[in-house]
Amino acid sequence: MHTVAVLALDGVVPFDLSAPIDTFGWARLPDGRPAYRVRVCSPSDSGEVSAGAFTVRAPHGLEALAEADTIILPGVADPQDALPIRVAEALRDAAANGTRIASVCVGAFLFAATGLLDGLRATTHWAAARDLAERYPKVTVDPNVLYVDNGQFLTSAGAAAALDMCLHMIRGDYGSAVAAQTARMSVMPLEREGGQAQFIVHDPPPTPAGATLEPVLAWLEDNCGREVTLEQIAARAGMSTRTLNRRFSEQTGTTPLRWLHRARVRRAQYLLESTAYPVERIAAQAGFGSPTAFRERFRKVVGTSPQGYRRAFRSGEMAVAGEKAGGAGPGAVPRVGGERAGERRQPAR
């Protein structure tokens, strides 16, 4: 039987710990036998580690890592804390023996601290991606995906992405049928639409207090729903287009048109979340020239389609309003087999 060791360090994040335990625990072979043996281990002599609001007692010590086929590294409350030397050594020894190692969320910081991710692509929670990249420059951090599989080493994004990664590993170990049944037990789609980018909050690029472009940025935010040219922005700022581009780069780190595109996407996200308007109307109100241009730009920035984003994030009140407006009509959630499609494919958050 394939053995999975889940490492619980002090300050372990409860969901990061429990998600792989349950997902691998639910996996069953066609004859009904468990597909995995799951062991929780800790470097603590007592086996006890803090887990936020409660304490966890792990029944196994670090010796379980040497016996495992797969090791899971959940995140901890402060991922910047130093990784205990004997834990790092145990992980490196296991890797040298061919053990598969995977991290959950900010567990990527623990993983990177071993040096095993050097030269590889990895991911973590999008809000921690910049810190991971700065702390471990030898690791190529991709904040837009749900998980990264390098073969022996895997990393997943924020908490719920652990389910996606575990299902991916189960499918690789035992095939799609076992993985699909495990996904049903987890009330998860076997594959989610889009990546982590759809969950990223795209705030406006920060500008220094008192920056000369502050009034122009406020005007752009208010007027992003209509056609705006570079010349109009420059005229509003009272400078030439060349000077405008230079000032924008200095104060926001981007160009006027890129800033405007992001503002339009943010407005579209709000409309998709809070209204039942059809995509064509949202494209127009967000300032895109056509629904096609809107869909292309939205997918490029957010990582999923406008309809995919709406299924994941539209409020329940708007969904009910859409159904009352005519079921499959504009802005409504389509029904599939008597269920709303959003109920079957809505990502866990």
Protein backbone atom coordinates (compact mmCIF):
# COMPACT_ATOMS: atom_id res chain seq x y z
CA MET A 1 0.00 0.00 0.00
CA HIS A 2 1.22 3.49 -0.88
CA THR A 3 2.18 5.31 2.33
CA VAL A 4 1.62 9.07 2.71
CA ALA A 5 3.32 10.91 5.59
CA VAL A 6 1.84 14.30 6.48
CA LEU A 7 4.34 16.41 8.45
CA ALA A 8 2.83 18.51 11.24
CA LEU A 9 5.17 21.24 12.45
CA ASP A 10 4.43 23.67 15.27
CA GLY A 11 1.86 26.24 14.11
CA VAL A 12 0.53 23.97 11.37
CA VAL A 13 -2.46 25.36 9.47
CA PRO A 14 -5.41 23.03 10.30
CA PHE A 15 -6.94 22.96 6.81
CA ASP A 16 -3.56 22.36 5.17
CA LEU A 17 -3.09 19.41 7.51
CA SER A 18 -6.54 17.88 7.19
CA ALA A 19 -7.15 18.31 3.43
CA PRO A 20 -4.53 15.77 2.26
CA ILE A 21 -5.35 13.43 5.16
CA ASP A 22 -9.00 13.25 4.13
CA THR A 23 -8.43 13.27 0.37
CA PHE A 24 -5.96 10.38 0.40
CA GLY A 25 -8.06 8.69 3.10
CA TRP A 26 -11.15 8.73 0.88
CA ALA A 27 -9.36 7.08 -2.07
CA ARG A 28 -10.53 3.52 -2.66
CA LEU A 29 -9.38 0.89 -5.13
CA PRO A 30 -11.98 -0.79 -7.39
CA ASP A 31 -12.34 -3.67 -4.90
CA GLY A 32 -13.05 -1.24 -2.06
CA ARG A 33 -9.66 -1.43 -0.34
CA PRO A 34 -8.00 1.81 0.83
CA ALA A 35 -5.56 3.12 -1.77
CA TYR A 36 -3.28 4.84 0.78
CA ARG A 37 -1.95 4.43 4.28
CA VAL A 38 -1.85 7.93 5.81
CA ARG A 39 0.46 8.74 8.73
CA VAL A 40 0.73 12.05 10.56
CA CYS A 41 4.20 12.70 11.95
CA SER A 42 5.93 15.40 13.99
CA PRO A 43 9.48 16.23 15.10
CA SER A 44 8.21 16.87 18.64
CA ASP A 45 9.22 14.27 21.24
CA SER A 46 5.69 14.37 22.67
CA GLY A 47 4.12 14.41 19.23
CA GLU A 48 2.15 17.53 20.16
CA VAL A 49 2.14 20.63 17.96
CA SER A 50 -0.01 23.75 18.03
CA ALA A 51 -2.59 24.15 15.28
CA GLY A 52 -4.08 27.55 15.96
CA ALA A 53 -7.17 27.10 18.13
CA PHE A 54 -6.23 23.58 19.23
CA THR A 55 -3.34 21.15 19.68
CA VAL A 56 -2.58 18.14 17.48
CA ARG A 57 -0.93 14.96 18.73
CA ALA A 58 0.88 13.20 15.88
CA PRO A 59 1.27 9.44 16.43
CA HIS A 60 4.50 9.17 14.42
CA GLY A 61 7.92 10.80 14.54
CA LEU A 62 10.31 11.81 11.76
CA GLU A 63 11.19 8.15 11.16
CA ALA A 64 7.89 7.94 9.26
CA LEU A 65 9.37 10.16 6.54
CA ALA A 66 11.97 7.52 5.68
CA GLU A 67 9.23 4.91 5.27
CA ALA A 68 6.87 7.02 3.16
CA ASP A 69 6.27 6.94 -0.58
CA THR A 70 4.88 10.49 -0.46
CA ILE A 71 5.50 13.30 2.04
CA ILE A 72 3.10 16.24 2.39
CA LEU A 73 4.27 19.56 3.85
CA PRO A 74 1.32 21.63 5.16
CA GLY A 75 1.77 25.36 5.72
CA VAL A 76 2.46 26.89 9.12
CA ALA A 77 1.25 30.11 10.74
CA ASP A 78 4.59 31.87 10.22
CA PRO A 79 6.25 30.42 7.11
CA GLN A 80 9.27 32.70 7.66
CA ASP A 81 10.29 30.68 10.74
CA ALA A 82 13.48 28.67 10.30
CA LEU A 83 13.00 25.03 9.33
CA PRO A 84 14.44 22.77 12.05
CA ILE A 85 17.74 21.30 10.85
CA ARG A 86 16.80 17.69 11.50
CA VAL A 87 13.54 18.15 9.58
CA ALA A 88 15.41 19.59 6.59
CA GLU A 89 17.90 16.71 6.71
CA ALA A 90 15.12 14.12 6.92
CA LEU A 91 13.40 15.67 3.88
CA ARG A 92 16.62 15.78 1.86
CA ASP A 93 17.37 12.15 2.75
CA ALA A 94 13.88 11.11 1.69
CA ALA A 95 14.25 13.00 -1.59
CA ALA A 96 17.57 11.29 -2.26
CA ASN A 97 15.76 7.95 -1.89
CA GLY A 98 13.18 8.96 -4.52
CA THR A 99 10.31 9.88 -2.17
CA ARG A 100 7.70 12.16 -3.68
CA ILE A 101 7.34 15.42 -1.72
CA ALA A 102 4.51 17.95 -2.04
CA SER A 103 3.72 21.18 -0.22
CA VAL A 104 0.39 22.81 0.56
CA CYS A 105 -0.02 26.60 0.35
CA VAL A 106 2.77 28.35 2.31
CA GLY A 107 4.29 24.96 3.01
CA ALA A 108 6.28 25.89 -0.10
CA PHE A 109 8.46 28.05 2.19
CA LEU A 110 9.40 24.95 4.21
CA PHE A 111 10.02 23.04 1.00
CA ALA A 112 12.18 25.79 -0.48
CA ALA A 113 14.22 26.00 2.74
CA THR A 114 15.55 22.49 2.06
CA GLY A 115 17.06 23.63 -1.26
CA LEU A 116 15.15 20.90 -3.08
CA LEU A 117 13.18 23.43 -5.14
CA ASP A 118 16.25 25.31 -6.40
CA GLY A 119 16.10 25.66 -10.18
CA LEU A 120 12.50 24.43 -10.28
CA ARG A 121 9.11 26.06 -10.87
CA ALA A 122 6.82 26.24 -7.84
CA THR A 123 3.69 27.93 -6.55
CA THR A 124 2.15 29.00 -3.26
CA HIS A 125 -0.78 31.13 -2.13
CA TRP A 126 -0.90 34.14 -4.46
CA ALA A 127 -0.67 36.57 -1.52
CA ALA A 128 2.64 34.98 -0.44
CA ALA A 129 4.13 34.44 -3.91
CA ARG A 130 6.21 37.63 -3.95
CA ASP A 131 7.68 36.87 -0.50
CA LEU A 132 8.58 33.34 -1.60
CA ALA A 133 10.29 34.61 -4.75
CA GLU A 134 12.26 37.23 -2.83
CA ARG A 135 13.30 34.85 -0.06
CA TYR A 136 14.28 32.02 -2.42
CA PRO A 137 15.44 33.60 -5.71
CA LYS A 138 16.62 30.23 -7.08
CA VAL A 139 12.99 29.09 -7.20
CA THR A 140 10.81 30.19 -10.13
CA VAL A 141 7.50 31.16 -8.50
CA ASP A 142 4.30 31.03 -10.57
CA PRO A 143 1.40 32.66 -8.66
CA ASN A 144 -1.21 31.95 -11.34
CA VAL A 145 -1.63 28.16 -11.11
CA LEU A 146 -3.35 25.80 -8.68
CA TYR A 147 -0.38 23.45 -8.46
CA VAL A 148 2.95 22.64 -10.10
CA ASP A 149 4.12 19.07 -10.77
CA ASN A 150 7.86 18.70 -11.34
CA GLY A 151 7.67 14.92 -11.21
CA GLN A 152 9.13 14.07 -7.80
CA PHE A 153 8.36 17.46 -6.27
CA LEU A 154 4.97 19.21 -6.27
CA THR A 155 3.67 22.48 -4.80
CA SER A 156 0.10 23.73 -4.48
CA ALA A 157 -1.47 27.15 -4.09
CA GLY A 158 -3.82 28.32 -1.33
CA ALA A 159 -5.58 25.83 0.94
CA ALA A 160 -8.30 24.46 -1.38
CA ALA A 161 -5.74 23.89 -4.14
CA ALA A 162 -4.38 21.06 -1.96
CA LEU A 163 -7.45 19.09 -3.05
CA ASP A 164 -6.63 19.70 -6.73
CA MET A 165 -3.03 18.58 -6.22
CA CYS A 166 -3.97 15.48 -4.22
CA LEU A 167 -6.54 14.42 -6.83
CA HIS A 168 -3.86 14.92 -9.49
CA MET A 169 -1.48 12.63 -7.58
CA ILE A 170 -4.18 10.01 -7.03
CA ARG A 171 -4.95 9.99 -10.76
CA GLY A 172 -1.25 9.50 -11.51
CA ASP A 173 -0.98 6.68 -8.96
CA TYR A 174 -4.19 4.74 -9.64
CA GLY A 175 -5.89 6.19 -12.73
CA SER A 176 -8.85 8.44 -13.49
CA ALA A 177 -11.59 6.14 -12.13
CA VAL A 178 -10.14 6.09 -8.61
CA ALA A 179 -9.41 9.82 -8.76
CA ALA A 180 -12.94 10.62 -10.01
CA GLN A 181 -14.55 8.66 -7.17
CA THR A 182 -12.30 10.43 -4.66
CA ALA A 183 -13.31 13.76 -6.19
CA ARG A 184 -16.97 12.88 -5.72
CA MET A 185 -16.34 12.04 -2.08
CA SER A 186 -14.56 15.40 -1.73
CA VAL A 187 -17.44 17.20 -3.50
CA MET A 188 -14.87 18.57 -5.93
CA PRO A 189 -14.57 18.56 -9.72
CA LEU A 190 -11.70 16.37 -10.83
CA GLU A 191 -10.37 19.36 -12.75
CA ARG A 192 -11.26 22.97 -11.96
CA GLU A 193 -11.66 25.61 -14.64
CA GLY A 194 -8.92 28.22 -14.63
CA GLY A 195 -6.07 28.65 -12.20
CA GLN A 196 -5.21 30.61 -9.08
CA ALA A 197 -5.23 33.86 -11.05
CA GLN A 198 -9.02 34.04 -10.80
CA PHE A 199 -8.74 34.45 -7.01
CA ILE A 200 -6.11 37.21 -7.09
CA VAL A 201 -7.37 40.63 -6.08
CA HIS A 202 -5.96 43.01 -8.69
CA ASP A 203 -5.64 46.20 -6.70
CA PRO A 204 -4.60 49.38 -8.51
CA PRO A 205 -0.80 49.74 -8.63
CA PRO A 206 0.24 51.74 -5.54
CA THR A 207 1.25 55.36 -5.96
CA PRO A 208 3.22 57.45 -3.48
CA ALA A 209 1.13 59.79 -1.34
CA GLY A 210 0.93 63.16 -3.01
CA ALA A 211 2.08 61.80 -6.38
CA THR A 212 1.34 64.19 -9.24
CA LEU A 213 -0.69 61.53 -11.07
CA GLU A 214 -3.15 60.88 -8.23
CA PRO A 215 -5.93 63.09 -9.71
CA VAL A 216 -5.42 61.51 -13.14
CA LEU A 217 -5.63 57.97 -11.72
CA ALA A 218 -8.85 58.83 -9.90
CA TRP A 219 -10.27 60.25 -13.14
CA LEU A 220 -9.22 57.13 -15.05
CA GLU A 221 -10.89 54.88 -12.48
CA ASP A 222 -14.12 56.86 -12.79
CA ASN A 223 -14.03 56.93 -16.60
CA CYS A 224 -12.65 53.49 -17.48
CA GLY A 225 -16.08 52.48 -18.78
CA ARG A 226 -15.85 54.80 -21.78
CA GLU A 227 -13.38 55.07 -24.64
CA VAL A 228 -10.24 56.84 -23.43
CA THR A 229 -7.16 57.54 -25.56
CA LEU A 230 -3.58 58.16 -24.50
CA GLU A 231 -3.89 61.72 -25.82
CA GLN A 232 -6.96 62.35 -23.61
CA ILE A 233 -5.13 61.04 -20.54
CA ALA A 234 -2.14 63.27 -21.34
CA ALA A 235 -4.42 66.29 -21.80
CA ARG A 236 -6.09 65.57 -18.47
CA ALA A 237 -2.66 65.42 -16.82
CA GLY A 238 -1.55 68.59 -18.59
CA MET A 239 1.53 67.04 -20.16
CA SER A 240 2.71 65.46 -23.40
CA THR A 241 2.15 61.75 -24.06
CA ARG A 242 5.91 61.16 -23.78
CA THR A 243 6.07 62.84 -20.37
CA LEU A 244 2.90 61.01 -19.30
CA ASN A 245 4.42 57.63 -20.12
CA ARG A 246 7.59 58.49 -18.19
CA ARG A 247 5.68 59.74 -15.13
CA PHE A 248 3.40 56.69 -15.17
CA SER A 249 6.38 54.36 -15.23
CA GLU A 250 8.02 56.26 -12.36
CA GLN A 251 4.94 56.47 -10.15
CA THR A 252 2.97 53.29 -10.90
CA GLY A 253 5.47 50.92 -12.49
CA THR A 254 3.30 50.43 -15.56
CA THR A 255 1.96 52.29 -18.62
CA PRO A 256 -1.25 54.36 -18.81
CA LEU A 257 -3.00 51.88 -21.10
CA ARG A 258 -2.03 48.85 -19.01
CA TRP A 259 -3.30 50.63 -15.92
CA LEU A 260 -6.55 51.37 -17.75
CA HIS A 261 -6.94 47.73 -18.88
CA ARG A 262 -6.56 46.53 -15.27
CA ALA A 263 -9.12 49.09 -14.08
CA ARG A 264 -11.57 47.82 -16.70
CA VAL A 265 -11.02 44.21 -15.65
CA ARG A 266 -11.62 45.16 -12.01
CA ARG A 267 -14.90 46.83 -12.98
CA ALA A 268 -15.91 43.76 -15.01
CA GLN A 269 -15.16 41.49 -12.05
CA TYR A 270 -17.41 43.60 -9.83
CA LEU A 271 -20.24 43.49 -12.38
CA LEU A 272 -19.89 39.73 -12.85
CA GLU A 273 -20.04 39.22 -9.09
CA SER A 274 -22.88 41.62 -8.31
CA THR A 275 -25.23 41.66 -11.33
CA ALA A 276 -27.02 39.29 -13.67
CA TYR A 277 -26.11 41.39 -16.74
CA PRO A 278 -25.13 39.43 -19.87
CA VAL A 279 -21.46 39.41 -20.80
CA GLU A 280 -22.09 41.73 -23.76
CA ARG A 281 -23.51 44.44 -21.51
CA ILE A 282 -20.68 44.07 -19.00
CA ALA A 283 -18.13 44.35 -21.81
CA ALA A 284 -19.66 47.65 -22.86
CA GLN A 285 -20.00 49.04 -19.32
CA ALA A 286 -16.40 48.11 -18.51
CA GLY A 287 -15.15 50.01 -21.57
CA PHE A 288 -14.13 47.15 -23.87
CA GLY A 289 -14.59 47.66 -27.58
CA SER A 290 -16.29 44.32 -28.14
CA PRO A 291 -17.32 41.17 -26.22
CA THR A 292 -14.50 39.30 -27.98
CA ALA A 293 -11.87 41.80 -26.86
CA PHE A 294 -13.35 41.65 -23.36
CA ARG A 295 -13.18 37.85 -23.16
CA GLU A 296 -9.59 37.77 -24.43
CA ARG A 297 -8.36 40.46 -22.03
CA PHE A 298 -10.29 39.00 -19.08
CA ARG A 299 -8.87 35.50 -19.59
CA LYS A 300 -5.37 36.89 -19.98
CA VAL A 301 -5.54 38.80 -16.67
CA VAL A 302 -7.81 36.58 -14.57
CA GLY A 303 -6.98 33.17 -15.96
CA THR A 304 -10.54 32.06 -16.68
CA SER A 305 -13.50 33.13 -18.81
CA PRO A 306 -16.03 35.76 -17.66
CA GLN A 307 -18.70 33.07 -17.33
CA GLY A 308 -16.31 30.81 -15.41
CA TYR A 309 -15.52 33.68 -13.04
CA ARG A 310 -19.22 34.42 -12.60
CA ARG A 311 -20.03 30.80 -11.73
CA ALA A 312 -17.38 30.87 -9.05
CA PHE A 313 -18.01 34.28 -7.49
CA ARG A 314 -21.50 35.59 -8.18
CA SER A 315 -23.51 36.03 -4.99
CA GLY A 316 -26.43 33.73 -4.23
CA GLU A 317 -28.90 36.60 -4.47
CA MET A 318 -27.78 37.40 -8.00
CA ALA A 319 -27.99 33.73 -8.98
CA VAL A 320 -31.57 33.51 -7.74
CA ALA A 321 -32.41 36.75 -9.55
CA GLY A 322 -30.97 35.33 -12.75
CA GLU A 323 -33.12 32.21 -12.48
CA LYS A 324 -36.27 34.21 -11.86
CA ALA A 325 -35.40 36.31 -14.89
CA GLY A 326 -35.84 33.29 -17.12
CA GLY A 327 -33.57 30.36 -16.29
CA ALA A 328 -31.28 30.18 -19.30
CA GLY A 329 -31.79 33.80 -20.31
CA PRO A 330 -29.17 36.53 -20.25
CA GLY A 331 -27.23 36.47 -17.01
CA ALA A 332 -28.93 33.32 -15.73
CA VAL A 333 -27.08 30.24 -14.47
CA PRO A 334 -27.76 27.42 -16.95
CA ARG A 335 -29.19 24.17 -15.66
CA VAL A 336 -27.58 20.82 -16.41
CA GLY A 337 -29.45 17.65 -15.50
CA GLY A 338 -31.72 19.53 -13.11
CA GLU A 339 -28.83 21.22 -11.27
CA ARG A 340 -27.31 24.65 -11.68
CA ALA A 341 -23.99 24.24 -13.44
CA GLY A 342 -22.44 26.49 -10.83
CA GLU A 343 -23.42 24.03 -8.10
CA ARG A 344 -21.44 21.26 -9.74
CA ARG A 345 -18.35 23.18 -10.76
CA GLN A 346 -18.06 25.95 -8.20
CA PRO A 347 -14.50 25.91 -6.83
CA ALA A 348 -14.06 25.27 -3.11
CA ARG A 349 -12.72 28.40 -1.44
